[in-house]
Amino acid sequence: MLSSIQQITLGIGTGNKAMIIKAARYSGNRMARATSQSIKDKTPISFEKIGGPTHMMFETLAINAAEVDADDADDMKDLAELTGKLMRHCLACHEAFTVN
C-alpha cells in the first residue's frame, strides 16, 4: 500500500491520472480479496474494521481520479485531500498493529 501512496502522490504532482488510477486500484478491493484465508483467519476484527474502509478509499480515489481533469488544479487538489484522508487510515493501522 505504501508504494501505491507514493505512486498516487507522484501522479497527483505530475497530473498523471493513469498512474493514480493504477496505483489506487492496486491497493483497492482487489488486494483485499487476494489476501489468503489463512491470513484473514489470523487478523483481529479491529484490523478488519480499519482495513476494509481503507481498501474502499483506494477504490474511491481511483473512481474520482478517472473523473477529474488532470489540468485542473482544483481537481488535483481534491485528489490530494482524499489521499491525505486515506493516509490517516494507514497511520491508524500502523499505529495499532505491527508484524513481529
PDB file of N, CA and C in Angstrom:
ATOM      1  N   MET A   1       0.818  -1.195   0.000  1.00  0.00           N
ATOM      2  CA  MET A   1       0.000   0.000   0.000  1.00  0.00           C
ATOM      3  C   MET A   1       0.864   1.262   0.000  1.00  0.00           C
ATOM      4  N   LEU A   2       1.995   1.196   0.679  1.00  0.00           N
ATOM      5  CA  LEU A   2       2.860   2.373   0.717  1.00  0.00           C
ATOM      6  C   LEU A   2       3.356   2.727  -0.678  1.00  0.00           C
ATOM      7  N   SER A   3       3.658   1.714  -1.485  1.00  0.00           N
ATOM      8  CA  SER A   3       4.091   2.004  -2.853  1.00  0.00           C
ATOM      9  C   SER A   3       2.951   2.635  -3.650  1.00  0.00           C
ATOM     10  N   SER A   4       1.718   2.243  -3.358  1.00  0.00           N
ATOM     11  CA  SER A   4       0.574   2.873  -4.022  1.00  0.00           C
ATOM     12  C   SER A   4       0.469   4.340  -3.639  1.00  0.00           C
ATOM     13  N   ILE A   5       0.627   4.633  -2.364  1.00  0.00           N
ATOM     14  CA  ILE A   5       0.572   6.031  -1.907  1.00  0.00           C
ATOM     15  C   ILE A   5       1.652   6.854  -2.606  1.00  0.00           C
ATOM     16  N   GLN A   6       2.848   6.290  -2.729  1.00  0.00           N
ATOM     17  CA  GLN A   6       3.948   7.001  -3.397  1.00  0.00           C
ATOM     18  C   GLN A   6       3.575   7.290  -4.846  1.00  0.00           C
ATOM     19  N   GLN A   7       3.044   6.290  -5.548  1.00  0.00           N
ATOM     20  CA  GLN A   7       2.673   6.469  -6.950  1.00  0.00           C
ATOM     21  C   GLN A   7       1.494   7.432  -7.101  1.00  0.00           C
ATOM     22  N   ILE A   8       0.546   7.374  -6.189  1.00  0.00           N
ATOM     23  CA  ILE A   8      -0.589   8.301  -6.221  1.00  0.00           C
ATOM     24  C   ILE A   8      -0.097   9.731  -6.033  1.00  0.00           C
ATOM     25  N   THR A   9       0.770   9.925  -5.067  1.00  0.00           N
ATOM     26  CA  THR A   9       1.308  11.262  -4.804  1.00  0.00           C
ATOM     27  C   THR A   9       2.073  11.786  -6.013  1.00  0.00           C
ATOM     28  N   LEU A  10       2.902  10.937  -6.606  1.00  0.00           N
ATOM     29  CA  LEU A  10       3.637  11.333  -7.806  1.00  0.00           C
ATOM     30  C   LEU A  10       2.671  11.642  -8.946  1.00  0.00           C
ATOM     31  N   GLY A  11       1.651  10.818  -9.103  1.00  0.00           N
ATOM     32  CA  GLY A  11       0.662  11.051 -10.154  1.00  0.00           C
ATOM     33  C   GLY A  11      -0.086  12.359  -9.973  1.00  0.00           C
ATOM     34  N   ILE A  12      -0.421  12.687  -8.738  1.00  0.00           N
ATOM     35  CA  ILE A  12      -1.088  13.964  -8.470  1.00  0.00           C
ATOM     36  C   ILE A  12      -0.151  15.117  -8.820  1.00  0.00           C
ATOM     37  N   GLY A  13       1.093  15.001  -8.409  1.00  0.00           N
ATOM     38  CA  GLY A  13       2.066  16.067  -8.659  1.00  0.00           C
ATOM     39  C   GLY A  13       2.358  16.297 -10.130  1.00  0.00           C
ATOM     40  N   THR A  14       2.283  15.236 -10.922  1.00  0.00           N
ATOM     41  CA  THR A  14       2.600  15.349 -12.348  1.00  0.00           C
ATOM     42  C   THR A  14       1.357  15.365 -13.236  1.00  0.00           C
ATOM     43  N   GLY A  15       0.182  15.265 -12.621  1.00  0.00           N
ATOM     44  CA  GLY A  15      -1.053  15.267 -13.398  1.00  0.00           C
ATOM     45  C   GLY A  15      -1.249  13.995 -14.211  1.00  0.00           C
ATOM     46  N   ASN A  16      -0.716  12.885 -13.719  1.00  0.00           N
ATOM     47  CA  ASN A  16      -0.785  11.610 -14.429  1.00  0.00           C
ATOM     48  C   ASN A  16      -1.935  10.767 -13.870  1.00  0.00           C
ATOM     49  N   LYS A  17      -3.109  10.939 -14.472  1.00  0.00           N
ATOM     50  CA  LYS A  17      -4.301  10.230 -13.995  1.00  0.00           C
ATOM     51  C   LYS A  17      -4.141   8.719 -14.080  1.00  0.00           C
ATOM     52  N   ALA A  18      -3.539   8.234 -15.142  1.00  0.00           N
ATOM     53  CA  ALA A  18      -3.378   6.785 -15.313  1.00  0.00           C
ATOM     54  C   ALA A  18      -2.558   6.194 -14.175  1.00  0.00           C
ATOM     55  N   MET A  19      -1.523   6.903 -13.751  1.00  0.00           N
ATOM     56  CA  MET A  19      -0.688   6.435 -12.646  1.00  0.00           C
ATOM     57  C   MET A  19      -1.496   6.390 -11.349  1.00  0.00           C
ATOM     58  N   ILE A  20      -2.286   7.419 -11.114  1.00  0.00           N
ATOM     59  CA  ILE A  20      -3.110   7.482  -9.898  1.00  0.00           C
ATOM     60  C   ILE A  20      -4.099   6.318  -9.877  1.00  0.00           C
ATOM     61  N   ILE A  21      -4.787   6.127 -10.979  1.00  0.00           N
ATOM     62  CA  ILE A  21      -5.805   5.075 -11.059  1.00  0.00           C
ATOM     63  C   ILE A  21      -5.180   3.697 -10.871  1.00  0.00           C
ATOM     64  N   LYS A  22      -4.085   3.437 -11.562  1.00  0.00           N
ATOM     65  CA  LYS A  22      -3.420   2.131 -11.464  1.00  0.00           C
ATOM     66  C   LYS A  22      -2.968   1.853 -10.032  1.00  0.00           C
ATOM     67  N   ALA A  23      -2.352   2.839  -9.404  1.00  0.00           N
ATOM     68  CA  ALA A  23      -1.848   2.661  -8.036  1.00  0.00           C
ATOM     69  C   ALA A  23      -2.991   2.482  -7.043  1.00  0.00           C
ATOM     70  N   ALA A  24      -4.042   3.257  -7.204  1.00  0.00           N
ATOM     71  CA  ALA A  24      -5.178   3.161  -6.282  1.00  0.00           C
ATOM     72  C   ALA A  24      -5.878   1.810  -6.429  1.00  0.00           C
ATOM     73  N   ARG A  25      -6.052   1.367  -7.655  1.00  0.00           N
ATOM     74  CA  ARG A  25      -6.709   0.068  -7.863  1.00  0.00           C
ATOM     75  C   ARG A  25      -5.870  -1.074  -7.306  1.00  0.00           C
ATOM     76  N   TYR A  26      -4.558  -0.943  -7.378  1.00  0.00           N
ATOM     77  CA  TYR A  26      -3.672  -1.994  -6.860  1.00  0.00           C
ATOM     78  C   TYR A  26      -3.945  -2.263  -5.379  1.00  0.00           C
ATOM     79  N   SER A  27      -4.194  -1.203  -4.617  1.00  0.00           N
ATOM     80  CA  SER A  27      -4.426  -1.358  -3.175  1.00  0.00           C
ATOM     81  C   SER A  27      -5.904  -1.330  -2.802  1.00  0.00           C
ATOM     82  N   GLY A  28      -6.757  -1.384  -3.779  1.00  0.00           N
ATOM     83  CA  GLY A  28      -8.194  -1.370  -3.521  1.00  0.00           C
ATOM     84  C   GLY A  28      -8.735  -2.736  -3.138  1.00  0.00           C
ATOM     85  N   ASN A  29      -9.975  -2.969  -3.504  1.00  0.00           N
ATOM     86  CA  ASN A  29     -10.653  -4.214  -3.127  1.00  0.00           C
ATOM     87  C   ASN A  29      -9.974  -5.455  -3.673  1.00  0.00           C
ATOM     88  N   ARG A  30      -9.311  -5.332  -4.816  1.00  0.00           N
ATOM     89  CA  ARG A  30      -8.617  -6.481  -5.395  1.00  0.00           C
ATOM     90  C   ARG A  30      -7.571  -7.020  -4.421  1.00  0.00           C
ATOM     91  N   MET A  31      -6.838  -6.122  -3.786  1.00  0.00           N
ATOM     92  CA  MET A  31      -5.829  -6.543  -2.812  1.00  0.00           C
ATOM     93  C   MET A  31      -6.497  -7.238  -1.624  1.00  0.00           C
ATOM     94  N   ALA A  32      -7.585  -6.679  -1.165  1.00  0.00           N
ATOM     95  CA  ALA A  32      -8.287  -7.273  -0.024  1.00  0.00           C
ATOM     96  C   ALA A  32      -8.800  -8.667  -0.373  1.00  0.00           C
ATOM     97  N   ARG A  33      -9.360  -8.807  -1.567  1.00  0.00           N
ATOM     98  CA  ARG A  33      -9.881 -10.114  -1.986  1.00  0.00           C
ATOM     99  C   ARG A  33      -8.766 -11.127  -2.205  1.00  0.00           C
ATOM    100  N   ALA A  34      -7.579 -10.665  -2.577  1.00  0.00           N
ATOM    101  CA  ALA A  34      -6.456 -11.563  -2.856  1.00  0.00           C
ATOM    102  C   ALA A  34      -5.758 -12.058  -1.591  1.00  0.00           C
ATOM    103  N   THR A  35      -6.095 -11.486  -0.456  1.00  0.00           N
ATOM    104  CA  THR A  35      -5.481 -11.917   0.803  1.00  0.00           C
ATOM    105  C   THR A  35      -5.938 -13.335   1.120  1.00  0.00           C
ATOM    106  N   SER A  36      -4.978 -14.194   1.396  1.00  0.00           N
ATOM    107  CA  SER A  36      -5.314 -15.597   1.647  1.00  0.00           C
ATOM    108  C   SER A  36      -6.172 -15.744   2.901  1.00  0.00           C
ATOM    109  N   GLN A  37      -6.992 -16.773   2.888  1.00  0.00           N
ATOM    110  CA  GLN A  37      -7.876 -17.027   4.021  1.00  0.00           C
ATOM    111  C   GLN A  37      -7.080 -17.293   5.291  1.00  0.00           C
ATOM    112  N   SER A  38      -5.918 -17.932   5.167  1.00  0.00           N
ATOM    113  CA  SER A  38      -5.109 -18.214   6.358  1.00  0.00           C
ATOM    114  C   SER A  38      -4.651 -16.926   7.034  1.00  0.00           C
ATOM    115  N   ILE A  39      -4.367 -15.904   6.240  1.00  0.00           N
ATOM    116  CA  ILE A  39      -4.004 -14.591   6.805  1.00  0.00           C
ATOM    117  C   ILE A  39      -5.241 -13.945   7.419  1.00  0.00           C
ATOM    118  N   LYS A  40      -6.342 -13.975   6.701  1.00  0.00           N
ATOM    119  CA  LYS A  40      -7.583 -13.374   7.210  1.00  0.00           C
ATOM    120  C   LYS A  40      -7.994 -13.994   8.541  1.00  0.00           C
ATOM    121  N   ASP A  41      -7.795 -15.308   8.663  1.00  0.00           N
ATOM    122  CA  ASP A  41      -8.166 -16.000   9.898  1.00  0.00           C
ATOM    123  C   ASP A  41      -7.343 -15.538  11.096  1.00  0.00           C
ATOM    124  N   LYS A  42      -6.167 -14.996  10.837  1.00  0.00           N
ATOM    125  CA  LYS A  42      -5.266 -14.577  11.919  1.00  0.00           C
ATOM    126  C   LYS A  42      -5.429 -13.106  12.296  1.00  0.00           C
ATOM    127  N   THR A  43      -6.161 -12.365  11.496  1.00  0.00           N
ATOM    128  CA  THR A  43      -6.278 -10.933  11.774  1.00  0.00           C
ATOM    129  C   THR A  43      -7.459 -10.657  12.698  1.00  0.00           C
ATOM    130  N   PRO A  44      -7.253  -9.777  13.658  1.00  0.00           N
ATOM    131  CA  PRO A  44      -8.347  -9.440  14.573  1.00  0.00           C
ATOM    132  C   PRO A  44      -9.411  -8.589  13.877  1.00  0.00           C
ATOM    133  N   ILE A  45     -10.590  -8.598  14.433  1.00  0.00           N
ATOM    134  CA  ILE A  45     -11.706  -7.808  13.899  1.00  0.00           C
ATOM    135  C   ILE A  45     -11.327  -6.329  13.832  1.00  0.00           C
ATOM    136  N   SER A  46     -10.590  -5.846  14.814  1.00  0.00           N
ATOM    137  CA  SER A  46     -10.207  -4.430  14.830  1.00  0.00           C
ATOM    138  C   SER A  46      -9.344  -4.079  13.616  1.00  0.00           C
ATOM    139  N   PHE A  47      -8.554  -5.026  13.137  1.00  0.00           N
ATOM    140  CA  PHE A  47      -7.751  -4.810  11.929  1.00  0.00           C
ATOM    141  C   PHE A  47      -8.670  -4.697  10.713  1.00  0.00           C
ATOM    142  N   GLU A  48      -9.638  -5.580  10.645  1.00  0.00           N
ATOM    143  CA  GLU A  48     -10.577  -5.571   9.527  1.00  0.00           C
ATOM    144  C   GLU A  48     -11.408  -4.289   9.502  1.00  0.00           C
ATOM    145  N   LYS A  49     -11.709  -3.746  10.675  1.00  0.00           N
ATOM    146  CA  LYS A  49     -12.500  -2.509  10.743  1.00  0.00           C
ATOM    147  C   LYS A  49     -11.738  -1.320  10.169  1.00  0.00           C
ATOM    148  N   ILE A  50     -10.418  -1.372  10.222  1.00  0.00           N
ATOM    149  CA  ILE A  50      -9.602  -0.320   9.608  1.00  0.00           C
ATOM    150  C   ILE A  50      -9.313  -0.677   8.151  1.00  0.00           C
ATOM    151  N   GLY A  51      -8.962  -1.936   7.909  1.00  0.00           N
ATOM    152  CA  GLY A  51      -8.531  -2.364   6.580  1.00  0.00           C
ATOM    153  C   GLY A  51      -9.603  -2.261   5.512  1.00  0.00           C
ATOM    154  N   GLY A  52     -10.802  -2.723   5.819  1.00  0.00           N
ATOM    155  CA  GLY A  52     -11.878  -2.688   4.830  1.00  0.00           C
ATOM    156  C   GLY A  52     -12.158  -1.287   4.299  1.00  0.00           C
ATOM    157  N   PRO A  53     -12.402  -0.333   5.186  1.00  0.00           N
ATOM    158  CA  PRO A  53     -12.638   1.033   4.715  1.00  0.00           C
ATOM    159  C   PRO A  53     -11.427   1.639   3.992  1.00  0.00           C
ATOM    160  N   THR A  54     -10.235   1.235   4.384  1.00  0.00           N
ATOM    161  CA  THR A  54      -9.038   1.755   3.721  1.00  0.00           C
ATOM    162  C   THR A  54      -8.995   1.280   2.273  1.00  0.00           C
ATOM    163  N   HIS A  55      -9.247   0.001   2.048  1.00  0.00           N
ATOM    164  CA  HIS A  55      -9.275  -0.514   0.677  1.00  0.00           C
ATOM    165  C   HIS A  55     -10.372   0.181  -0.128  1.00  0.00           C
ATOM    166  N   MET A  56     -11.510   0.454   0.495  1.00  0.00           N
ATOM    167  CA  MET A  56     -12.597   1.158  -0.196  1.00  0.00           C
ATOM    168  C   MET A  56     -12.196   2.585  -0.557  1.00  0.00           C
ATOM    169  N   MET A  57     -11.411   3.218   0.296  1.00  0.00           N
ATOM    170  CA  MET A  57     -10.957   4.579  -0.010  1.00  0.00           C
ATOM    171  C   MET A  57     -10.031   4.582  -1.226  1.00  0.00           C
ATOM    172  N   PHE A  58      -9.216   3.542  -1.375  1.00  0.00           N
ATOM    173  CA  PHE A  58      -8.390   3.433  -2.578  1.00  0.00           C
ATOM    174  C   PHE A  58      -9.286   3.309  -3.813  1.00  0.00           C
ATOM    175  N   GLU A  59     -10.358   2.533  -3.708  1.00  0.00           N
ATOM    176  CA  GLU A  59     -11.305   2.400  -4.823  1.00  0.00           C
ATOM    177  C   GLU A  59     -11.953   3.748  -5.144  1.00  0.00           C
ATOM    178  N   THR A  60     -12.365   4.462  -4.116  1.00  0.00           N
ATOM    179  CA  THR A  60     -12.964   5.788  -4.306  1.00  0.00           C
ATOM    180  C   THR A  60     -11.985   6.729  -4.983  1.00  0.00           C
ATOM    181  N   LEU A  61     -10.744   6.665  -4.575  1.00  0.00           N
ATOM    182  CA  LEU A  61      -9.713   7.511  -5.177  1.00  0.00           C
ATOM    183  C   LEU A  61      -9.556   7.186  -6.661  1.00  0.00           C
ATOM    184  N   ALA A  62      -9.563   5.910  -7.015  1.00  0.00           N
ATOM    185  CA  ALA A  62      -9.450   5.515  -8.425  1.00  0.00           C
ATOM    186  C   ALA A  62     -10.628   6.051  -9.233  1.00  0.00           C
ATOM    187  N   ILE A  63     -11.820   5.930  -8.686  1.00  0.00           N
ATOM    188  CA  ILE A  63     -13.022   6.422  -9.377  1.00  0.00           C
ATOM    189  C   ILE A  63     -12.952   7.934  -9.549  1.00  0.00           C
ATOM    190  N   ASN A  64     -12.593   8.637  -8.486  1.00  0.00           N
ATOM    191  CA  ASN A  64     -12.503  10.100  -8.562  1.00  0.00           C
ATOM    192  C   ASN A  64     -11.427  10.535  -9.548  1.00  0.00           C
ATOM    193  N   ALA A  65     -10.299   9.827  -9.559  1.00  0.00           N
ATOM    194  CA  ALA A  65      -9.212  10.181 -10.472  1.00  0.00           C
ATOM    195  C   ALA A  65      -9.648  10.026 -11.925  1.00  0.00           C
ATOM    196  N   ALA A  66     -10.469   9.032 -12.198  1.00  0.00           N
ATOM    197  CA  ALA A  66     -10.946   8.822 -13.563  1.00  0.00           C
ATOM    198  C   ALA A  66     -11.843   9.964 -14.027  1.00  0.00           C
ATOM    199  N   GLU A  67     -12.469  10.643 -13.092  1.00  0.00           N
ATOM    200  CA  GLU A  67     -13.435  11.688 -13.433  1.00  0.00           C
ATOM    201  C   GLU A  67     -12.853  13.097 -13.451  1.00  0.00           C
ATOM    202  N   VAL A  68     -11.642  13.287 -12.926  1.00  0.00           N
ATOM    203  CA  VAL A  68     -11.098  14.643 -12.823  1.00  0.00           C
ATOM    204  C   VAL A  68     -10.411  15.074 -14.113  1.00  0.00           C
ATOM    205  N   ASP A  69     -10.239  16.378 -14.221  1.00  0.00           N
ATOM    206  CA  ASP A  69      -9.453  16.976 -15.289  1.00  0.00           C
ATOM    207  C   ASP A  69      -8.042  17.156 -14.742  1.00  0.00           C
ATOM    208  N   ALA A  70      -7.088  16.419 -15.296  1.00  0.00           N
ATOM    209  CA  ALA A  70      -5.712  16.452 -14.789  1.00  0.00           C
ATOM    210  C   ALA A  70      -5.091  17.841 -14.891  1.00  0.00           C
ATOM    211  N   ASP A  71      -5.628  18.681 -15.766  1.00  0.00           N
ATOM    212  CA  ASP A  71      -5.099  20.036 -15.918  1.00  0.00           C
ATOM    213  C   ASP A  71      -5.760  21.039 -14.983  1.00  0.00           C
ATOM    214  N   ASP A  72      -6.753  20.592 -14.231  1.00  0.00           N
ATOM    215  CA  ASP A  72      -7.463  21.470 -13.298  1.00  0.00           C
ATOM    216  C   ASP A  72      -6.836  21.330 -11.910  1.00  0.00           C
ATOM    217  N   ALA A  73      -6.199  22.387 -11.457  1.00  0.00           N
ATOM    218  CA  ALA A  73      -5.505  22.353 -10.161  1.00  0.00           C
ATOM    219  C   ALA A  73      -6.459  22.036  -9.015  1.00  0.00           C
ATOM    220  N   ASP A  74      -7.696  22.522  -9.089  1.00  0.00           N
ATOM    221  CA  ASP A  74      -8.665  22.239  -8.024  1.00  0.00           C
ATOM    222  C   ASP A  74      -9.012  20.754  -7.975  1.00  0.00           C
ATOM    223  N   ASP A  75      -9.148  20.128  -9.148  1.00  0.00           N
ATOM    224  CA  ASP A  75      -9.430  18.693  -9.176  1.00  0.00           C
ATOM    225  C   ASP A  75      -8.283  17.900  -8.558  1.00  0.00           C
ATOM    226  N   MET A  76      -7.067  18.261  -8.898  1.00  0.00           N
ATOM    227  CA  MET A  76      -5.907  17.550  -8.359  1.00  0.00           C
ATOM    228  C   MET A  76      -5.770  17.813  -6.860  1.00  0.00           C
ATOM    229  N   LYS A  77      -6.142  19.019  -6.435  1.00  0.00           N
ATOM    230  CA  LYS A  77      -6.130  19.337  -5.003  1.00  0.00           C
ATOM    231  C   LYS A  77      -7.117  18.439  -4.265  1.00  0.00           C
ATOM    232  N   ASP A  78      -8.282  18.214  -4.865  1.00  0.00           N
ATOM    233  CA  ASP A  78      -9.276  17.324  -4.253  1.00  0.00           C
ATOM    234  C   ASP A  78      -8.725  15.909  -4.101  1.00  0.00           C
ATOM    235  N   LEU A  79      -8.005  15.430  -5.112  1.00  0.00           N
ATOM    236  CA  LEU A  79      -7.393  14.098  -5.021  1.00  0.00           C
ATOM    237  C   LEU A  79      -6.326  14.064  -3.929  1.00  0.00           C
ATOM    238  N   ALA A  80      -5.570  15.146  -3.815  1.00  0.00           N
ATOM    239  CA  ALA A  80      -4.544  15.213  -2.764  1.00  0.00           C
ATOM    240  C   ALA A  80      -5.192  15.179  -1.383  1.00  0.00           C
ATOM    241  N   GLU A  81      -6.299  15.889  -1.223  1.00  0.00           N
ATOM    242  CA  GLU A  81      -7.001  15.887   0.067  1.00  0.00           C
ATOM    243  C   GLU A  81      -7.556  14.503   0.393  1.00  0.00           C
ATOM    244  N   LEU A  82      -8.115  13.829  -0.600  1.00  0.00           N
ATOM    245  CA  LEU A  82      -8.627  12.477  -0.386  1.00  0.00           C
ATOM    246  C   LEU A  82      -7.486  11.530  -0.021  1.00  0.00           C
ATOM    247  N   THR A  83      -6.345  11.709  -0.659  1.00  0.00           N
ATOM    248  CA  THR A  83      -5.173  10.890  -0.333  1.00  0.00           C
ATOM    249  C   THR A  83      -4.737  11.139   1.105  1.00  0.00           C
ATOM    250  N   GLY A  84      -4.785  12.375   1.539  1.00  0.00           N
ATOM    251  CA  GLY A  84      -4.450  12.696   2.932  1.00  0.00           C
ATOM    252  C   GLY A  84      -5.393  12.018   3.912  1.00  0.00           C
ATOM    253  N   LYS A  85      -6.679  12.010   3.597  1.00  0.00           N
ATOM    254  CA  LYS A  85      -7.659  11.331   4.462  1.00  0.00           C
ATOM    255  C   LYS A  85      -7.404   9.826   4.475  1.00  0.00           C
ATOM    256  N   LEU A  86      -7.087   9.276   3.313  1.00  0.00           N
ATOM    257  CA  LEU A  86      -6.781   7.851   3.216  1.00  0.00           C
ATOM    258  C   LEU A  86      -5.565   7.513   4.085  1.00  0.00           C
ATOM    259  N   MET A  87      -4.574   8.369   4.048  1.00  0.00           N
ATOM    260  CA  MET A  87      -3.352   8.117   4.817  1.00  0.00           C
ATOM    261  C   MET A  87      -3.604   8.132   6.322  1.00  0.00           C
ATOM    262  N   ARG A  88      -4.644   8.821   6.773  1.00  0.00           N
ATOM    263  CA  ARG A  88      -4.998   8.755   8.197  1.00  0.00           C
ATOM    264  C   ARG A  88      -5.351   7.322   8.582  1.00  0.00           C
ATOM    265  N   HIS A  89      -6.020   6.617   7.675  1.00  0.00           N
ATOM    266  CA  HIS A  89      -6.337   5.205   7.918  1.00  0.00           C
ATOM    267  C   HIS A  89      -5.053   4.384   7.974  1.00  0.00           C
ATOM    268  N   CYS A  90      -4.139   4.663   7.052  1.00  0.00           N
ATOM    269  CA  CYS A  90      -2.852   3.949   7.048  1.00  0.00           C
ATOM    270  C   CYS A  90      -2.124   4.167   8.375  1.00  0.00           C
ATOM    271  N   LEU A  91      -2.077   5.397   8.806  1.00  0.00           N
ATOM    272  CA  LEU A  91      -1.380   5.718  10.056  1.00  0.00           C
ATOM    273  C   LEU A  91      -2.048   5.059  11.251  1.00  0.00           C
ATOM    274  N   ALA A  92      -3.369   5.062  11.282  1.00  0.00           N
ATOM    275  CA  ALA A  92      -4.088   4.432  12.393  1.00  0.00           C
ATOM    276  C   ALA A  92      -3.786   2.940  12.451  1.00  0.00           C
ATOM    277  N   CYS A  93      -3.741   2.312  11.312  1.00  0.00           N
ATOM    278  CA  CYS A  93      -3.464   0.876  11.266  1.00  0.00           C
ATOM    279  C   CYS A  93      -2.031   0.597  11.712  1.00  0.00           C
ATOM    280  N   HIS A  94      -1.080   1.349  11.184  1.00  0.00           N
ATOM    281  CA  HIS A  94       0.321   1.135  11.551  1.00  0.00           C
ATOM    282  C   HIS A  94       0.577   1.457  13.014  1.00  0.00           C
ATOM    283  N   GLU A  95      -0.195   2.361  13.560  1.00  0.00           N
ATOM    284  CA  GLU A  95      -0.064   2.677  14.981  1.00  0.00           C
ATOM    285  C   GLU A  95      -0.603   1.542  15.848  1.00  0.00           C
ATOM    286  N   ALA A  96      -1.668   0.916  15.391  1.00  0.00           N
ATOM    287  CA  ALA A  96      -2.325  -0.123  16.190  1.00  0.00           C
ATOM    288  C   ALA A  96      -1.721  -1.515  16.004  1.00  0.00           C
ATOM    289  N   PHE A  97      -1.141  -1.773  14.840  1.00  0.00           N
ATOM    290  CA  PHE A  97      -0.681  -3.129  14.530  1.00  0.00           C
ATOM    291  C   PHE A  97       0.753  -3.125  14.021  1.00  0.00           C
ATOM    292  N   THR A  98       1.505  -4.120  14.452  1.00  0.00           N
ATOM    293  CA  THR A  98       2.856  -4.338  13.941  1.00  0.00           C
ATOM    294  C   THR A  98       3.030  -5.828  13.688  1.00  0.00           C
ATOM    295  N   VAL A  99       3.906  -6.144  12.768  1.00  0.00           N
ATOM    296  CA  VAL A  99       4.219  -7.543  12.482  1.00  0.00           C
ATOM    297  C   VAL A  99       5.583  -7.825  13.077  1.00  0.00           C
ATOM    298  N   ASN A 100       5.632  -8.836  13.903  1.00  0.00           N
ATOM    299  CA  ASN A 100       6.906  -9.212  14.530  1.00  0.00           C
ATOM    300  C   ASN A 100       7.512 -10.408  13.835  1.00  0.00           C
TER     301      ASN A 100
END
